[in-house]
Amino acid sequence: MIQAVKTKKGTQAITSDRWHVVHSRFQGTGGKLLFVRTVHSEHDDRGGCLEAARLLWGRLSGDGTVPVAERDEVFVCRPNYKSLERSRHRRPRKG
């Protein structure tokens, strides 16, 4: 079940008790790179969740004219993982 929760720091977050796909939509205003996150779908296992994330990402992939910093993001999250409702652009992992 999808729930609105708060982190230990009191920030608004979303979570689910199942594997879930999170869609992070660009909502930049006033020069800020702001993203709003929602749970797109829930799944019983990681494999089904990955497949749903790939399908969503395929639908979101445009013609490449959107700057990298403003592209929507898709995450696969384990059960009970808290995702912030609003955040800045995710920085890619190094290595």
C-alpha atoms as a PDB file:
ATOM      1  CA  MET A   1       0.000   0.000   0.000  1.00  0.00           C
ATOM      2  CA  ILE A   2       1.286   3.462  -0.938  1.00  0.00           C
ATOM      3  CA  GLN A   3       1.641   5.806   2.025  1.00  0.00           C
ATOM      4  CA  ALA A   4       2.664   9.396   2.670  1.00  0.00           C
ATOM      5  CA  VAL A   5       5.227   9.414   5.508  1.00  0.00           C
ATOM      6  CA  LYS A   6       7.867  11.659   7.022  1.00  0.00           C
ATOM      7  CA  THR A   7      11.591  11.002   7.244  1.00  0.00           C
ATOM      8  CA  LYS A   8      13.531  11.261  10.498  1.00  0.00           C
ATOM      9  CA  LYS A   9      14.252  14.891   9.594  1.00  0.00           C
ATOM     10  CA  GLY A  10      10.531  15.617   9.121  1.00  0.00           C
ATOM     11  CA  THR A  11      10.598  15.864   5.322  1.00  0.00           C
ATOM     12  CA  GLN A  12       7.557  14.634   3.353  1.00  0.00           C
ATOM     13  CA  ALA A  13       8.157  11.259   1.665  1.00  0.00           C
ATOM     14  CA  ILE A  14       6.297   8.397  -0.023  1.00  0.00           C
ATOM     15  CA  THR A  15       6.695   4.656   0.461  1.00  0.00           C
ATOM     16  CA  SER A  16       5.067   1.311  -0.294  1.00  0.00           C
ATOM     17  CA  ASP A  17       5.114  -2.058   1.458  1.00  0.00           C
ATOM     18  CA  ARG A  18       5.829  -3.742  -1.917  1.00  0.00           C
ATOM     19  CA  TRP A  19       8.483  -3.306  -4.618  1.00  0.00           C
ATOM     20  CA  HIS A  20       7.603  -0.061  -6.397  1.00  0.00           C
ATOM     21  CA  VAL A  21       8.503   2.133  -9.364  1.00  0.00           C
ATOM     22  CA  VAL A  22       8.951   5.825  -8.574  1.00  0.00           C
ATOM     23  CA  HIS A  23       8.516   8.413 -11.329  1.00  0.00           C
ATOM     24  CA  SER A  24      10.329  11.679 -10.660  1.00  0.00           C
ATOM     25  CA  ARG A  25       8.849  14.490 -12.800  1.00  0.00           C
ATOM     26  CA  PHE A  26      10.667  17.723 -13.551  1.00  0.00           C
ATOM     27  CA  GLN A  27       8.840  20.742 -12.071  1.00  0.00           C
ATOM     28  CA  GLY A  28      11.585  23.365 -12.295  1.00  0.00           C
ATOM     29  CA  THR A  29      10.548  26.848 -11.282  1.00  0.00           C
ATOM     30  CA  GLY A  30      12.559  30.020 -10.901  1.00  0.00           C
ATOM     31  CA  GLY A  31      15.812  28.446 -12.066  1.00  0.00           C
ATOM     32  CA  LYS A  32      15.630  25.601  -9.538  1.00  0.00           C
ATOM     33  CA  LEU A  33      15.888  21.969 -10.662  1.00  0.00           C
ATOM     34  CA  LEU A  34      12.966  20.614  -8.664  1.00  0.00           C
ATOM     35  CA  PHE A  35      11.477  17.154  -9.116  1.00  0.00           C
ATOM     36  CA  VAL A  36       8.183  15.813  -7.737  1.00  0.00           C
ATOM     37  CA  ARG A  37       8.075  12.055  -7.112  1.00  0.00           C
ATOM     38  CA  THR A  38       5.112   9.676  -7.238  1.00  0.00           C
ATOM     39  CA  VAL A  39       4.766   5.906  -7.001  1.00  0.00           C
ATOM     40  CA  HIS A  40       3.939   4.774 -10.522  1.00  0.00           C
ATOM     41  CA  SER A  41       3.249   1.082  -9.780  1.00  0.00           C
ATOM     42  CA  GLU A  42       3.670  -1.642  -7.136  1.00  0.00           C
ATOM     43  CA  HIS A  43       4.867  -5.229  -7.655  1.00  0.00           C
ATOM     44  CA  ASP A  44       5.276  -8.485  -5.745  1.00  0.00           C
ATOM     45  CA  ASP A  45       8.870  -9.087  -6.859  1.00  0.00           C
ATOM     46  CA  ARG A  46      11.911  -7.187  -8.067  1.00  0.00           C
ATOM     47  CA  GLY A  47      11.788  -8.692 -11.565  1.00  0.00           C
ATOM     48  CA  GLY A  48       8.268  -7.449 -12.246  1.00  0.00           C
ATOM     49  CA  CYS A  49       9.213  -4.063 -10.875  1.00  0.00           C
ATOM     50  CA  LEU A  50      12.251  -3.817 -13.162  1.00  0.00           C
ATOM     51  CA  GLU A  51      10.143  -4.710 -16.204  1.00  0.00           C
ATOM     52  CA  ALA A  52       7.567  -2.023 -15.346  1.00  0.00           C
ATOM     53  CA  ALA A  53      10.359   0.531 -14.857  1.00  0.00           C
ATOM     54  CA  ARG A  54      11.823  -0.325 -18.278  1.00  0.00           C
ATOM     55  CA  LEU A  55       8.416   0.092 -19.923  1.00  0.00           C
ATOM     56  CA  LEU A  56       7.875   3.461 -18.216  1.00  0.00           C
ATOM     57  CA  TRP A  57      11.366   4.631 -19.164  1.00  0.00           C
ATOM     58  CA  GLY A  58      10.714   3.611 -22.772  1.00  0.00           C
ATOM     59  CA  ARG A  59       7.568   5.749 -22.860  1.00  0.00           C
ATOM     60  CA  LEU A  60       9.376   8.713 -21.291  1.00  0.00           C
ATOM     61  CA  SER A  61      12.419   8.619 -23.580  1.00  0.00           C
ATOM     62  CA  GLY A  62      11.904  11.477 -25.974  1.00  0.00           C
ATOM     63  CA  ASP A  63      13.868  12.738 -28.916  1.00  0.00           C
ATOM     64  CA  GLY A  64      16.807  13.858 -26.750  1.00  0.00           C
ATOM     65  CA  THR A  65      16.093  17.600 -26.939  1.00  0.00           C
ATOM     66  CA  VAL A  66      15.412  17.932 -23.193  1.00  0.00           C
ATOM     67  CA  PRO A  67      18.559  18.876 -21.229  1.00  0.00           C
ATOM     68  CA  VAL A  68      19.893  16.061 -19.028  1.00  0.00           C
ATOM     69  CA  ALA A  69      19.283  18.077 -15.846  1.00  0.00           C
ATOM     70  CA  GLU A  70      15.566  18.416 -16.723  1.00  0.00           C
ATOM     71  CA  ARG A  71      14.767  14.836 -17.772  1.00  0.00           C
ATOM     72  CA  ASP A  72      12.308  12.753 -15.787  1.00  0.00           C
ATOM     73  CA  GLU A  73      13.823   9.961 -13.700  1.00  0.00           C
ATOM     74  CA  VAL A  74      12.619   6.437 -12.903  1.00  0.00           C
ATOM     75  CA  PHE A  75      13.632   4.497  -9.768  1.00  0.00           C
ATOM     76  CA  VAL A  76      13.059   0.913  -8.627  1.00  0.00           C
ATOM     77  CA  CYS A  77      12.652   0.846  -4.843  1.00  0.00           C
ATOM     78  CA  ARG A  78      12.574  -2.014  -2.362  1.00  0.00           C
ATOM     79  CA  PRO A  79       9.632  -2.423   0.021  1.00  0.00           C
ATOM     80  CA  ASN A  80       9.348   0.293   2.696  1.00  0.00           C
ATOM     81  CA  TYR A  81      11.973   2.501   1.040  1.00  0.00           C
ATOM     82  CA  LYS A  82      11.183   6.182   1.670  1.00  0.00           C
ATOM     83  CA  SER A  83      11.482   8.487  -1.349  1.00  0.00           C
ATOM     84  CA  LEU A  84      11.321  12.235  -0.820  1.00  0.00           C
ATOM     85  CA  GLU A  85       8.225  13.784  -2.434  1.00  0.00           C
ATOM     86  CA  ARG A  86      10.278  16.710  -3.706  1.00  0.00           C
ATOM     87  CA  SER A  87      13.974  16.740  -4.443  1.00  0.00           C
ATOM     88  CA  ARG A  88      16.706  18.147  -6.590  1.00  0.00           C
ATOM     89  CA  HIS A  89      18.202  16.286  -9.541  1.00  0.00           C
ATOM     90  CA  ARG A  90      19.809  12.970  -8.598  1.00  0.00           C
ATOM     91  CA  ARG A  91      23.556  12.917  -9.086  1.00  0.00           C
ATOM     92  CA  PRO A  92      24.892   9.910 -11.022  1.00  0.00           C
ATOM     93  CA  ARG A  93      26.975   7.363  -9.139  1.00  0.00           C
ATOM     94  CA  LYS A  94      30.697   7.371  -9.697  1.00  0.00           C
ATOM     95  CA  GLY A  95      32.503   4.182 -10.512  1.00  0.00           C
END
